[in-house]
Amino acid sequence: MALILIINRPVRWYKGLFNCVQYGISAYFALQSYQVTGGVIGDFQLESLFAYLSYAIVYFCVIPVYV
């Protein structure tokens, strides 16, 4: 029952907008770090492992900064 109440709970529009912008900013900074560390968009190579790791680290570290 509690799960249904959580799912149906109304959310203010500005809270949803804030979350969307927050994820967009995190993805932008993570993409920039991916490209700076040598990653190429659309190309999957094992040599780019450092670029993949930098993307993941930056993405998950930038999200808490804006909260």
PDB file of N, CA and C in Angstrom:
ATOM      1  N   MET A   1       0.823  -1.194   0.000  1.00  0.00           N
ATOM      2  CA  MET A   1       0.000   0.000   0.000  1.00  0.00           C
ATOM      3  C   MET A   1       0.863   1.252   0.000  1.00  0.00           C
ATOM      4  N   ALA A   2       1.948   1.216   0.749  1.00  0.00           N
ATOM      5  CA  ALA A   2       2.806   2.399   0.826  1.00  0.00           C
ATOM      6  C   ALA A   2       3.455   2.690  -0.514  1.00  0.00           C
ATOM      7  N   LEU A   3       3.776   1.640  -1.273  1.00  0.00           N
ATOM      8  CA  LEU A   3       4.389   1.826  -2.583  1.00  0.00           C
ATOM      9  C   LEU A   3       3.438   2.547  -3.524  1.00  0.00           C
ATOM     10  N   ILE A   4       2.172   2.222  -3.464  1.00  0.00           N
ATOM     11  CA  ILE A   4       1.180   2.894  -4.308  1.00  0.00           C
ATOM     12  C   ILE A   4       1.081   4.362  -3.933  1.00  0.00           C
ATOM     13  N   LEU A   5       1.131   4.668  -2.662  1.00  0.00           N
ATOM     14  CA  LEU A   5       1.067   6.060  -2.237  1.00  0.00           C
ATOM     15  C   LEU A   5       2.295   6.834  -2.683  1.00  0.00           C
ATOM     16  N   ILE A   6       3.451   6.208  -2.680  1.00  0.00           N
ATOM     17  CA  ILE A   6       4.672   6.882  -3.122  1.00  0.00           C
ATOM     18  C   ILE A   6       4.622   7.142  -4.621  1.00  0.00           C
ATOM     19  N   ILE A   7       4.144   6.164  -5.390  1.00  0.00           N
ATOM     20  CA  ILE A   7       4.093   6.326  -6.842  1.00  0.00           C
ATOM     21  C   ILE A   7       3.072   7.387  -7.231  1.00  0.00           C
ATOM     22  N   ASN A   8       1.944   7.439  -6.570  1.00  0.00           N
ATOM     23  CA  ASN A   8       0.884   8.375  -6.915  1.00  0.00           C
ATOM     24  C   ASN A   8       1.048   9.745  -6.267  1.00  0.00           C
ATOM     25  N   ARG A   9       2.098   9.919  -5.500  1.00  0.00           N
ATOM     26  CA  ARG A   9       2.304  11.192  -4.822  1.00  0.00           C
ATOM     27  C   ARG A   9       2.599  12.294  -5.845  1.00  0.00           C
ATOM     28  N   PRO A  10       1.873  13.405  -5.790  1.00  0.00           N
ATOM     29  CA  PRO A  10       2.139  14.481  -6.747  1.00  0.00           C
ATOM     30  C   PRO A  10       3.479  15.157  -6.459  1.00  0.00           C
ATOM     31  N   VAL A  11       4.162  15.519  -7.511  1.00  0.00           N
ATOM     32  CA  VAL A  11       5.455  16.189  -7.394  1.00  0.00           C
ATOM     33  C   VAL A  11       5.326  17.556  -8.040  1.00  0.00           C
ATOM     34  N   ARG A  12       5.859  18.545  -7.374  1.00  0.00           N
ATOM     35  CA  ARG A  12       5.826  19.892  -7.932  1.00  0.00           C
ATOM     36  C   ARG A  12       6.636  19.927  -9.213  1.00  0.00           C
ATOM     37  N   TRP A  13       6.230  20.753 -10.163  1.00  0.00           N
ATOM     38  CA  TRP A  13       6.892  20.803 -11.465  1.00  0.00           C
ATOM     39  C   TRP A  13       8.331  21.278 -11.345  1.00  0.00           C
ATOM     40  N   TYR A  14       8.621  22.176 -10.416  1.00  0.00           N
ATOM     41  CA  TYR A  14       9.982  22.698 -10.312  1.00  0.00           C
ATOM     42  C   TYR A  14      10.937  21.673  -9.709  1.00  0.00           C
ATOM     43  N   LYS A  15      10.415  20.739  -8.927  1.00  0.00           N
ATOM     44  CA  LYS A  15      11.275  19.677  -8.407  1.00  0.00           C
ATOM     45  C   LYS A  15      11.674  18.715  -9.525  1.00  0.00           C
ATOM     46  N   GLY A  16      10.737  18.391 -10.367  1.00  0.00           N
ATOM     47  CA  GLY A  16      11.043  17.535 -11.515  1.00  0.00           C
ATOM     48  C   GLY A  16      11.994  18.217 -12.483  1.00  0.00           C
ATOM     49  N   LEU A  17      11.788  19.501 -12.709  1.00  0.00           N
ATOM     50  CA  LEU A  17      12.680  20.256 -13.584  1.00  0.00           C
ATOM     51  C   LEU A  17      14.079  20.323 -12.999  1.00  0.00           C
ATOM     52  N   PHE A  18      14.191  20.528 -11.702  1.00  0.00           N
ATOM     53  CA  PHE A  18      15.491  20.565 -11.036  1.00  0.00           C
ATOM     54  C   PHE A  18      16.236  19.247 -11.217  1.00  0.00           C
ATOM     55  N   ASN A  19      15.536  18.135 -11.048  1.00  0.00           N
ATOM     56  CA  ASN A  19      16.173  16.829 -11.207  1.00  0.00           C
ATOM     57  C   ASN A  19      16.640  16.611 -12.641  1.00  0.00           C
ATOM     58  N   CYS A  20      15.834  17.001 -13.612  1.00  0.00           N
ATOM     59  CA  CYS A  20      16.236  16.850 -15.015  1.00  0.00           C
ATOM     60  C   CYS A  20      17.474  17.679 -15.331  1.00  0.00           C
ATOM     61  N   VAL A  21      17.496  18.906 -14.865  1.00  0.00           N
ATOM     62  CA  VAL A  21      18.648  19.773 -15.109  1.00  0.00           C
ATOM     63  C   VAL A  21      19.877  19.237 -14.390  1.00  0.00           C
ATOM     64  N   GLN A  22      19.705  18.734 -13.199  1.00  0.00           N
ATOM     65  CA  GLN A  22      20.818  18.172 -12.432  1.00  0.00           C
ATOM     66  C   GLN A  22      21.449  16.994 -13.166  1.00  0.00           C
ATOM     67  N   TYR A  23      20.646  16.090 -13.687  1.00  0.00           N
ATOM     68  CA  TYR A  23      21.183  14.952 -14.434  1.00  0.00           C
ATOM     69  C   TYR A  23      21.821  15.400 -15.748  1.00  0.00           C
ATOM     70  N   GLY A  24      21.257  16.411 -16.367  1.00  0.00           N
ATOM     71  CA  GLY A  24      21.849  16.941 -17.596  1.00  0.00           C
ATOM     72  C   GLY A  24      23.218  17.553 -17.354  1.00  0.00           C
ATOM     73  N   ILE A  25      23.348  18.310 -16.284  1.00  0.00           N
ATOM     74  CA  ILE A  25      24.645  18.917 -15.951  1.00  0.00           C
ATOM     75  C   ILE A  25      25.664  17.836 -15.605  1.00  0.00           C
ATOM     76  N   SER A  26      25.243  16.832 -14.876  1.00  0.00           N
ATOM     77  CA  SER A  26      26.151  15.731 -14.533  1.00  0.00           C
ATOM     78  C   SER A  26      26.615  15.000 -15.782  1.00  0.00           C
ATOM     79  N   ALA A  27      25.705  14.744 -16.696  1.00  0.00           N
ATOM     80  CA  ALA A  27      26.067  14.060 -17.940  1.00  0.00           C
ATOM     81  C   ALA A  27      26.993  14.923 -18.785  1.00  0.00           C
ATOM     82  N   TYR A  28      26.768  16.235 -18.793  1.00  0.00           N
ATOM     83  CA  TYR A  28      27.630  17.140 -19.564  1.00  0.00           C
ATOM     84  C   TYR A  28      29.063  17.114 -19.030  1.00  0.00           C
ATOM     85  N   PHE A  29      29.225  17.259 -17.726  1.00  0.00           N
ATOM     86  CA  PHE A  29      30.575  17.250 -17.149  1.00  0.00           C
ATOM     87  C   PHE A  29      31.244  15.890 -17.319  1.00  0.00           C
ATOM     88  N   ALA A  30      30.467  14.827 -17.203  1.00  0.00           N
ATOM     89  CA  ALA A  30      31.032  13.494 -17.390  1.00  0.00           C
ATOM     90  C   ALA A  30      31.475  13.300 -18.840  1.00  0.00           C
ATOM     91  N   LEU A  31      30.693  13.790 -19.789  1.00  0.00           N
ATOM     92  CA  LEU A  31      31.068  13.687 -21.190  1.00  0.00           C
ATOM     93  C   LEU A  31      32.326  14.492 -21.495  1.00  0.00           C
ATOM     94  N   GLN A  32      32.439  15.661 -20.884  1.00  0.00           N
ATOM     95  CA  GLN A  32      33.644  16.467 -21.087  1.00  0.00           C
ATOM     96  C   GLN A  32      34.872  15.747 -20.543  1.00  0.00           C
ATOM     97  N   SER A  33      34.744  15.126 -19.392  1.00  0.00           N
ATOM     98  CA  SER A  33      35.882  14.394 -18.839  1.00  0.00           C
ATOM     99  C   SER A  33      36.212  13.172 -19.694  1.00  0.00           C
ATOM    100  N   TYR A  34      35.200  12.541 -20.260  1.00  0.00           N
ATOM    101  CA  TYR A  34      35.413  11.401 -21.153  1.00  0.00           C
ATOM    102  C   TYR A  34      36.223  11.819 -22.376  1.00  0.00           C
ATOM    103  N   GLN A  35      35.870  12.957 -22.962  1.00  0.00           N
ATOM    104  CA  GLN A  35      36.580  13.423 -24.146  1.00  0.00           C
ATOM    105  C   GLN A  35      37.982  13.912 -23.813  1.00  0.00           C
ATOM    106  N   VAL A  36      38.160  14.541 -22.679  1.00  0.00           N
ATOM    107  CA  VAL A  36      39.482  15.032 -22.288  1.00  0.00           C
ATOM    108  C   VAL A  36      40.448  13.876 -22.032  1.00  0.00           C
ATOM    109  N   THR A  37      39.940  12.786 -21.493  1.00  0.00           N
ATOM    110  CA  THR A  37      40.806  11.645 -21.189  1.00  0.00           C
ATOM    111  C   THR A  37      41.008  10.723 -22.385  1.00  0.00           C
ATOM    112  N   GLY A  38      40.538  11.125 -23.552  1.00  0.00           N
ATOM    113  CA  GLY A  38      40.837  10.375 -24.764  1.00  0.00           C
ATOM    114  C   GLY A  38      39.709   9.526 -25.307  1.00  0.00           C
ATOM    115  N   GLY A  39      38.544   9.632 -24.751  1.00  0.00           N
ATOM    116  CA  GLY A  39      37.414   8.850 -25.249  1.00  0.00           C
ATOM    117  C   GLY A  39      36.849   9.443 -26.522  1.00  0.00           C
ATOM    118  N   VAL A  40      36.409   8.583 -27.423  1.00  0.00           N
ATOM    119  CA  VAL A  40      35.808   9.006 -28.683  1.00  0.00           C
ATOM    120  C   VAL A  40      34.353   8.563 -28.678  1.00  0.00           C
ATOM    121  N   ILE A  41      33.452   9.487 -28.959  1.00  0.00           N
ATOM    122  CA  ILE A  41      32.026   9.187 -28.935  1.00  0.00           C
ATOM    123  C   ILE A  41      31.689   8.246 -30.092  1.00  0.00           C
ATOM    124  N   GLY A  42      30.989   7.172 -29.779  1.00  0.00           N
ATOM    125  CA  GLY A  42      30.570   6.216 -30.787  1.00  0.00           C
ATOM    126  C   GLY A  42      31.590   5.129 -31.064  1.00  0.00           C
ATOM    127  N   ASP A  43      32.712   5.146 -30.379  1.00  0.00           N
ATOM    128  CA  ASP A  43      33.759   4.152 -30.605  1.00  0.00           C
ATOM    129  C   ASP A  43      34.016   3.415 -29.298  1.00  0.00           C
ATOM    130  N   PHE A  44      33.838   2.108 -29.300  1.00  0.00           N
ATOM    131  CA  PHE A  44      34.056   1.313 -28.098  1.00  0.00           C
ATOM    132  C   PHE A  44      35.343   0.515 -28.257  1.00  0.00           C
ATOM    133  N   GLN A  45      36.342   0.886 -27.481  1.00  0.00           N
ATOM    134  CA  GLN A  45      37.616   0.181 -27.495  1.00  0.00           C
ATOM    135  C   GLN A  45      38.048  -0.060 -26.068  1.00  0.00           C
ATOM    136  N   LEU A  46      38.703  -1.176 -25.851  1.00  0.00           N
ATOM    137  CA  LEU A  46      39.159  -1.517 -24.513  1.00  0.00           C
ATOM    138  C   LEU A  46      40.293  -0.598 -24.063  1.00  0.00           C
ATOM    139  N   GLU A  47      40.994   0.024 -25.008  1.00  0.00           N
ATOM    140  CA  GLU A  47      42.074   0.946 -24.654  1.00  0.00           C
ATOM    141  C   GLU A  47      41.535   2.208 -23.968  1.00  0.00           C
ATOM    142  N   SER A  48      40.255   2.475 -24.123  1.00  0.00           N
ATOM    143  CA  SER A  48      39.636   3.670 -23.543  1.00  0.00           C
ATOM    144  C   SER A  48      39.054   3.399 -22.164  1.00  0.00           C
ATOM    145  N   LEU A  49      39.553   2.409 -21.482  1.00  0.00           N
ATOM    146  CA  LEU A  49      39.018   2.048 -20.170  1.00  0.00           C
ATOM    147  C   LEU A  49      39.139   3.199 -19.177  1.00  0.00           C
ATOM    148  N   PHE A  50      40.253   3.930 -19.217  1.00  0.00           N
ATOM    149  CA  PHE A  50      40.426   5.079 -18.326  1.00  0.00           C
ATOM    150  C   PHE A  50      39.371   6.151 -18.608  1.00  0.00           C
ATOM    151  N   ALA A  51      39.050   6.354 -19.870  1.00  0.00           N
ATOM    152  CA  ALA A  51      38.021   7.335 -20.230  1.00  0.00           C
ATOM    153  C   ALA A  51      36.653   6.900 -19.713  1.00  0.00           C
ATOM    154  N   TYR A  52      36.357   5.604 -19.794  1.00  0.00           N
ATOM    155  CA  TYR A  52      35.078   5.105 -19.284  1.00  0.00           C
ATOM    156  C   TYR A  52      34.984   5.270 -17.770  1.00  0.00           C
ATOM    157  N   LEU A  53      36.073   4.973 -17.098  1.00  0.00           N
ATOM    158  CA  LEU A  53      36.089   5.127 -15.641  1.00  0.00           C
ATOM    159  C   LEU A  53      35.961   6.587 -15.233  1.00  0.00           C
ATOM    160  N   SER A  54      36.622   7.480 -15.963  1.00  0.00           N
ATOM    161  CA  SER A  54      36.515   8.907 -15.627  1.00  0.00           C
ATOM    162  C   SER A  54      35.088   9.397 -15.821  1.00  0.00           C
ATOM    163  N   TYR A  55      34.418   8.916 -16.860  1.00  0.00           N
ATOM    164  CA  TYR A  55      33.021   9.288 -17.081  1.00  0.00           C
ATOM    165  C   TYR A  55      32.166   8.869 -15.890  1.00  0.00           C
ATOM    166  N   ALA A  56      32.305   7.621 -15.473  1.00  0.00           N
ATOM    167  CA  ALA A  56      31.486   7.112 -14.371  1.00  0.00           C
ATOM    168  C   ALA A  56      31.774   7.840 -13.068  1.00  0.00           C
ATOM    169  N   ILE A  57      33.038   8.085 -12.794  1.00  0.00           N
ATOM    170  CA  ILE A  57      33.404   8.759 -11.544  1.00  0.00           C
ATOM    171  C   ILE A  57      32.881  10.184 -11.520  1.00  0.00           C
ATOM    172  N   VAL A  58      33.088  10.912 -12.601  1.00  0.00           N
ATOM    173  CA  VAL A  58      32.624  12.306 -12.636  1.00  0.00           C
ATOM    174  C   VAL A  58      31.107  12.367 -12.576  1.00  0.00           C
ATOM    175  N   TYR A  59      30.426  11.491 -13.292  1.00  0.00           N
ATOM    176  CA  TYR A  59      28.958  11.509 -13.294  1.00  0.00           C
ATOM    177  C   TYR A  59      28.405  11.320 -11.888  1.00  0.00           C
ATOM    178  N   PHE A  60      28.926  10.349 -11.164  1.00  0.00           N
ATOM    179  CA  PHE A  60      28.386  10.073  -9.841  1.00  0.00           C
ATOM    180  C   PHE A  60      28.929  11.020  -8.761  1.00  0.00           C
ATOM    181  N   CYS A  61      29.984  11.746  -9.039  1.00  0.00           N
ATOM    182  CA  CYS A  61      30.503  12.715  -8.072  1.00  0.00           C
ATOM    183  C   CYS A  61      29.892  14.102  -8.244  1.00  0.00           C
ATOM    184  N   VAL A  62      29.431  14.430  -9.444  1.00  0.00           N
ATOM    185  CA  VAL A  62      28.844  15.743  -9.681  1.00  0.00           C
ATOM    186  C   VAL A  62      27.414  15.806  -9.163  1.00  0.00           C
ATOM    187  N   ILE A  63      26.690  14.715  -9.181  1.00  0.00           N
ATOM    188  CA  ILE A  63      25.283  14.726  -8.750  1.00  0.00           C
ATOM    189  C   ILE A  63      25.145  15.233  -7.311  1.00  0.00           C
ATOM    190  N   PRO A  64      25.916  14.755  -6.330  1.00  0.00           N
ATOM    191  CA  PRO A  64      25.718  15.248  -4.961  1.00  0.00           C
ATOM    192  C   PRO A  64      26.115  16.704  -4.755  1.00  0.00           C
ATOM    193  N   VAL A  65      26.898  17.267  -5.646  1.00  0.00           N
ATOM    194  CA  VAL A  65      27.335  18.658  -5.482  1.00  0.00           C
ATOM    195  C   VAL A  65      26.153  19.610  -5.604  1.00  0.00           C
ATOM    196  N   TYR A  66      25.203  19.303  -6.469  1.00  0.00           N
ATOM    197  CA  TYR A  66      24.075  20.196  -6.722  1.00  0.00           C
ATOM    198  C   TYR A  66      22.886  19.984  -5.806  1.00  0.00           C
ATOM    199  N   VAL A  67      22.956  18.999  -4.947  1.00  0.00           N
ATOM    200  CA  VAL A  67      21.799  18.727  -4.075  1.00  0.00           C
ATOM    201  C   VAL A  67      21.876  19.574  -2.831  1.00  0.00           C
TER     202      VAL A  67
END
